[in-house]
Each structure stands twice: as structure tokens, then as C-alpha cells.
């Protein structure tokens, strides 16, 4: 139970950030013609912000099933990489149906917190994912029902919360482990290129994120290779 409580506490800032992002999704979904319960159902069954925003846009044009398939695979394929990486840290009781269950709630932020653990247990993962899942669905419900009532300034402020959450997750790891700085810097430079450089900016958000993550990770592993002994020492040094 201690692991579950620790996971709950770790998930609080993620849940708060998710409320603001999913709030926006709820507003947009309703403005596109979806019912409030449809927006909530999408959030509860498909926990991926970029995938959801892309999905409802594609759904506005009937019959584009192939486009939907390609876009969702491209956007969400990074979660496969995260799951593979995280599978190396779960304990021996974390297997079978539990991996399938918690694999459905892997997000960028949940992965970032979980992968920093020396060992991930089922209880910790359950606690870590619970509040963000509720926050994502609850924020969507609030946005779908109340979004049009709030002033534009408040909506703009809510949209900044997700960036603060990313910074809060990454900064402690950057201060503790120097190679992380190189990986983050490389990912930031690549992300900027995918945003402003011609041709590159035509790629989808999901594909560009995957490329940035892979290239940054490979670069850091080449520049700062970690032996098995060093890895064990680093893990033992973590609280």
C-alpha cells in the first residue's frame, strides 16, 4: 500500500496538468459537433492528447479510415518505445495481464516519472496512473460542459499548465544526471527543426516526436555509454 500511496503523490502534478489540456479537448470536441459523453468516452478509452486532437479532426470527414489508421499509428508509436523501455524496470510480479492493463495508460509524463524509479511495482504504477486518468477524463467533461462559459484569458492560461508540468518532470533528472541535458538539448533542437525547417515541418507531430526521441537517445548513448556496473551504482544511489 505504501507503493500505491507514493504513486498517487507522484501522479498529482500530472493530473493537474492533464485537467487543463483535456479541458481544451472537451471544448474543441463539442465545437466539432460531438456530444459531451462522446468526448468523455474518447478520453477514457484513448489516453493520448495529440492522437485525440488528430482523431476528431479526421472524423469530421466521413470514410477516411486509412488516414485515421496511419495518423494514429504515427502519432502514438512512441508509446511502444516507452513501454519497451519501462518493461526493463518492472518487478517480477508485474507481468501478463498487468502489462496489458497499465500499458494502456502509458503517457509521456507517466513514463517520465515511472522510468526514473529503480524498480516499478504494480501498486506504484496503479497509483501513478489513477489520478492522471481521472484528471484526463474529468477535464474533458468540464471542458465539454462548461468550456464556453469561461473567458478566453483563463483558457489561454490553462493551456500553459502542461508546459510547466513537463519542466517540473525533466529538470530534476537534468540536475542529477548530466547526459540527460545533452539528450534534452538535442531533442529541443530537432523539435525546432521539425517546426520551422521546410519539408521537415510537413511531417506529422507523432512522427517528429518519435524521431526526436530516438535520435536524442542514440546520441546520448553514444556520447555517454553506461556500463552495467555504473548503471547499478546509479540505481542504488537513487532514493
Protein backbone atom coordinates (compact mmCIF):
# COMPACT_ATOMS: atom_id res chain seq x y z
CA UNK A 1 0.00 0.00 0.00
CA UNK A 2 2.94 2.35 0.60
CA UNK A 3 3.91 1.97 -3.04
CA UNK A 4 0.37 2.84 -4.12
CA UNK A 5 0.31 5.98 -1.96
CA UNK A 6 3.72 7.02 -3.27
CA UNK A 7 2.44 6.57 -6.81
CA UNK A 8 -0.65 8.66 -6.03
CA UNK A 9 1.51 11.52 -4.76
CA UNK A 10 3.75 11.34 -7.82
CA UNK A 11 0.69 11.48 -10.08
CA UNK A 12 -0.83 14.64 -8.58
CA UNK A 13 1.11 17.21 -10.69
CA UNK A 14 0.48 15.13 -13.82
CA UNK A 15 -3.25 15.04 -13.09
CA UNK A 16 -3.37 18.82 -12.59
CA UNK A 17 -1.63 19.38 -15.91
CA UNK A 18 -3.94 16.95 -17.67
CA UNK A 19 -7.06 18.76 -16.48
CA UNK A 20 -6.09 21.89 -18.43
CA UNK A 21 -5.18 20.04 -21.64
CA UNK A 22 -8.22 17.75 -21.62
CA UNK A 23 -10.40 20.76 -20.81
CA UNK A 24 -9.36 22.22 -24.16
CA UNK A 25 -10.02 18.90 -25.87
CA UNK A 26 -13.55 18.83 -24.42
CA UNK A 27 -14.27 22.30 -25.78
CA UNK A 28 -12.95 21.51 -29.26
CA UNK A 29 -14.75 18.17 -29.45
CA UNK A 30 -18.11 19.78 -28.65
CA UNK A 31 -17.44 22.62 -31.11
CA UNK A 32 -16.87 19.94 -33.78
CA UNK A 33 -20.32 18.50 -33.14
CA UNK A 34 -19.56 15.70 -30.69
CA UNK A 35 -21.83 15.15 -27.70
CA UNK A 36 -20.26 15.69 -24.28
CA UNK A 37 -20.43 11.99 -23.48
CA UNK A 38 -18.69 11.12 -26.73
CA UNK A 39 -15.82 13.45 -25.87
CA UNK A 40 -15.50 11.88 -22.42
CA UNK A 41 -15.65 8.36 -23.87
CA UNK A 42 -12.82 9.20 -26.28
CA UNK A 43 -10.65 10.48 -23.43
CA UNK A 44 -11.33 7.46 -21.22
CA UNK A 45 -10.62 4.94 -23.97
CA UNK A 46 -7.75 6.72 -25.76
CA UNK A 47 -5.37 8.46 -23.37
CA UNK A 48 -3.30 10.44 -25.87
CA UNK A 49 -3.65 14.17 -26.37
CA UNK A 50 -2.14 14.51 -29.85
CA UNK A 51 -3.90 11.36 -31.04
CA UNK A 52 -7.26 12.59 -29.79
CA UNK A 53 -6.98 16.04 -31.34
CA UNK A 54 -5.91 14.49 -34.65
CA UNK A 55 -8.57 11.80 -34.43
CA UNK A 56 -11.58 14.09 -34.01
CA UNK A 57 -10.31 16.26 -36.86
CA UNK A 58 -10.12 13.24 -39.17
CA UNK A 59 -13.55 12.03 -38.02
CA UNK A 60 -15.13 15.22 -39.39
CA UNK A 61 -14.64 13.82 -42.90
CA UNK A 62 -16.52 10.50 -43.31
CA UNK A 63 -14.75 7.49 -44.78
CA UNK A 64 -11.14 8.43 -44.04
CA UNK A 65 -10.42 5.21 -42.19
CA UNK A 66 -7.00 4.69 -43.76
CA UNK A 67 -5.94 8.23 -42.90
CA UNK A 68 -7.13 7.67 -39.36
CA UNK A 69 -5.14 4.44 -39.09
CA UNK A 70 -1.93 5.94 -40.45
CA UNK A 71 -2.13 9.12 -38.38
CA UNK A 72 -2.86 7.28 -35.13
CA UNK A 73 -0.05 4.76 -35.63
CA UNK A 74 2.36 7.57 -36.46
CA UNK A 75 1.36 9.75 -33.52
CA UNK A 76 1.17 7.01 -30.91
CA UNK A 77 4.03 4.72 -31.90
CA UNK A 78 6.28 6.45 -29.38
CA UNK A 79 4.30 4.79 -26.59
CA UNK A 80 5.56 1.44 -27.85
CA UNK A 81 9.14 2.61 -27.34
CA UNK A 82 8.26 3.87 -23.87
CA UNK A 83 6.61 0.59 -22.92
CA UNK A 84 9.61 -1.43 -24.10
CA UNK A 85 11.94 0.77 -22.09
CA UNK A 86 9.77 0.64 -18.98
CA UNK A 87 9.41 -3.15 -19.21
CA UNK A 88 13.07 -3.41 -18.25
CA UNK A 89 12.34 -1.83 -14.86
CA UNK A 90 9.19 -3.62 -13.70
CA UNK A 91 9.48 -6.25 -10.97
CA UNK A 92 8.83 -9.96 -11.49
CA UNK A 93 5.17 -9.75 -10.34
CA UNK A 94 4.46 -7.09 -12.99
CA UNK A 95 3.61 -9.33 -15.95
CA UNK A 96 0.85 -10.84 -18.06
CA UNK A 97 -2.47 -9.01 -17.94
CA UNK A 98 -0.97 -6.30 -15.72
CA UNK A 99 1.34 -5.19 -18.52
CA UNK A 100 -1.58 -5.05 -20.93
CA UNK A 101 -3.67 -3.09 -18.45
CA UNK A 102 -1.10 -0.48 -17.47
CA UNK A 103 0.30 -0.29 -20.99
CA UNK A 104 -2.96 1.41 -21.98
CA UNK A 105 -2.28 4.32 -19.62
CA UNK A 106 1.34 4.99 -20.60
CA UNK A 107 1.79 8.67 -21.46
CA UNK A 108 4.85 10.90 -21.82
CA UNK A 109 4.54 12.19 -18.26
CA UNK A 110 3.64 8.90 -16.60
CA UNK A 111 6.56 7.24 -18.39
CA UNK A 112 8.96 10.02 -17.34
CA UNK A 113 8.09 9.51 -13.67
CA UNK A 114 7.97 5.71 -13.79
CA UNK A 115 11.25 5.26 -15.66
CA UNK A 116 13.10 7.30 -13.01
CA UNK A 117 12.29 4.54 -10.48
CA UNK A 118 14.82 1.84 -9.67
CA UNK A 119 12.04 -0.75 -9.86
CA UNK A 120 8.39 -0.31 -10.82
CA UNK A 121 5.76 -2.33 -8.98
CA UNK A 122 2.11 -2.87 -9.89
CA UNK A 123 0.91 -0.84 -6.91
CA UNK A 124 3.17 2.10 -7.72
CA UNK A 125 2.05 2.09 -11.35
CA UNK A 126 -1.61 1.86 -10.32
CA UNK A 127 -1.24 4.85 -8.00
CA UNK A 128 0.76 6.83 -10.56
CA UNK A 129 -1.80 6.32 -13.35
CA UNK A 130 -5.02 6.67 -11.33
CA UNK A 131 -5.19 10.43 -10.75
CA UNK A 132 -3.92 11.39 -14.24
CA UNK A 133 -6.57 9.09 -15.76
CA UNK A 134 -9.29 10.69 -13.64
CA UNK A 135 -7.92 14.16 -14.38
CA UNK A 136 -7.91 13.49 -18.11
CA UNK A 137 -11.49 12.26 -18.18
CA UNK A 138 -12.71 14.83 -15.68
CA UNK A 139 -11.06 17.71 -17.51
CA UNK A 140 -12.68 16.60 -20.75
CA UNK A 141 -16.08 16.53 -19.05
CA UNK A 142 -15.61 20.01 -17.62
CA UNK A 143 -14.44 21.39 -20.96
CA UNK A 144 -17.30 19.82 -22.87
CA UNK A 145 -19.94 21.09 -20.43
CA UNK A 146 -18.53 24.40 -19.13
CA UNK A 147 -15.87 25.47 -21.63
CA UNK A 148 -17.89 28.06 -23.47
CA UNK A 149 -18.62 29.89 -20.22
CA UNK A 150 -15.01 30.71 -19.28
CA UNK A 151 -13.25 33.86 -20.59
CA UNK A 152 -10.60 33.49 -23.29
CA UNK A 153 -7.85 34.69 -20.91
CA UNK A 154 -8.48 31.86 -18.48
CA UNK A 155 -8.46 29.35 -21.33
CA UNK A 156 -5.12 30.69 -22.52
CA UNK A 157 -3.65 30.43 -19.02
CA UNK A 158 -4.84 26.84 -18.63
CA UNK A 159 -3.05 25.93 -21.84
CA UNK A 160 0.33 26.83 -20.27
CA UNK A 161 -0.01 24.37 -17.39
CA UNK A 162 1.12 21.39 -19.47
CA UNK A 163 4.47 23.06 -20.25
CA UNK A 164 5.12 23.75 -16.57
CA UNK A 165 4.43 20.10 -15.85
CA UNK A 166 7.00 18.98 -18.44
CA UNK A 167 9.62 21.27 -16.92
CA UNK A 168 8.90 20.01 -13.40
CA UNK A 169 9.41 16.43 -14.55
CA UNK A 170 12.58 16.94 -16.62
CA UNK A 171 14.56 19.45 -14.53
CA UNK A 172 15.33 17.21 -11.50
CA UNK A 173 16.66 14.47 -13.79
CA UNK A 174 18.77 17.00 -15.73
CA UNK A 175 20.35 18.24 -12.50
CA UNK A 176 21.04 14.71 -11.28
CA UNK A 177 22.30 13.09 -14.49
CA UNK A 178 24.38 15.24 -16.87
CA UNK A 179 23.83 13.19 -20.07
CA UNK A 180 20.12 13.98 -19.74
CA UNK A 181 20.98 17.62 -20.52
CA UNK A 182 22.52 16.53 -23.82
CA UNK A 183 19.50 14.37 -24.70
CA UNK A 184 17.04 17.16 -23.87
CA UNK A 185 19.06 19.77 -25.80
CA UNK A 186 19.30 17.51 -28.84
CA UNK A 187 15.57 16.79 -28.72
CA UNK A 188 14.80 20.51 -28.42
CA UNK A 189 16.99 21.41 -31.43
CA UNK A 190 15.45 18.64 -33.53
CA UNK A 191 11.94 19.63 -32.49
CA UNK A 192 12.67 23.22 -33.57
CA UNK A 193 13.85 21.93 -36.95
CA UNK A 194 10.67 19.90 -37.39
CA UNK A 195 8.67 23.03 -36.64
CA UNK A 196 10.40 25.61 -38.88
CA UNK A 197 12.57 23.88 -41.49
CA UNK A 198 10.80 23.40 -44.86
CA UNK A 199 9.91 19.80 -45.75
CA UNK A 200 10.60 18.68 -42.18
CA UNK A 201 7.69 20.77 -40.92
CA UNK A 202 5.38 18.77 -43.17
CA UNK A 203 5.83 15.63 -41.08
CA UNK A 204 3.16 14.75 -38.54
CA UNK A 205 3.61 15.61 -34.87
CA UNK A 206 3.71 11.96 -33.84
CA UNK A 207 6.46 11.04 -36.32
CA UNK A 208 8.57 14.08 -35.46
CA UNK A 209 8.31 13.29 -31.73
CA UNK A 210 9.38 9.69 -32.36
CA UNK A 211 12.37 10.79 -34.46
CA UNK A 212 13.44 13.37 -31.86
CA UNK A 213 13.23 10.82 -29.05
CA UNK A 214 15.17 8.12 -30.93
CA UNK A 215 17.92 10.43 -32.22
CA UNK A 216 18.37 12.15 -28.84
CA UNK A 217 18.55 8.81 -27.03
CA UNK A 218 21.03 7.34 -29.53
CA UNK A 219 23.20 10.47 -29.38
CA UNK A 220 23.30 10.40 -25.56
CA UNK A 221 24.08 6.67 -25.52
CA UNK A 222 26.97 7.16 -27.96
CA UNK A 223 28.45 10.16 -26.13
CA UNK A 224 27.85 8.80 -22.63
CA UNK A 225 27.84 5.00 -22.70
CA UNK A 226 26.92 3.48 -19.33
CA UNK A 227 28.35 0.12 -18.31
CA UNK A 228 26.32 -2.40 -16.33
CA UNK A 229 28.33 -1.66 -13.17
CA UNK A 230 27.76 2.10 -13.49
CA UNK A 231 24.08 1.55 -14.13
CA UNK A 232 23.74 -0.49 -10.94
CA UNK A 233 25.60 2.15 -8.93
CA UNK A 234 23.33 4.88 -10.31
CA UNK A 235 20.20 2.89 -9.48
CA UNK A 236 21.36 2.23 -5.93
CA UNK A 237 22.11 5.92 -5.46
CA UNK A 238 18.51 6.87 -6.23
CA UNK A 239 16.25 7.43 -3.20
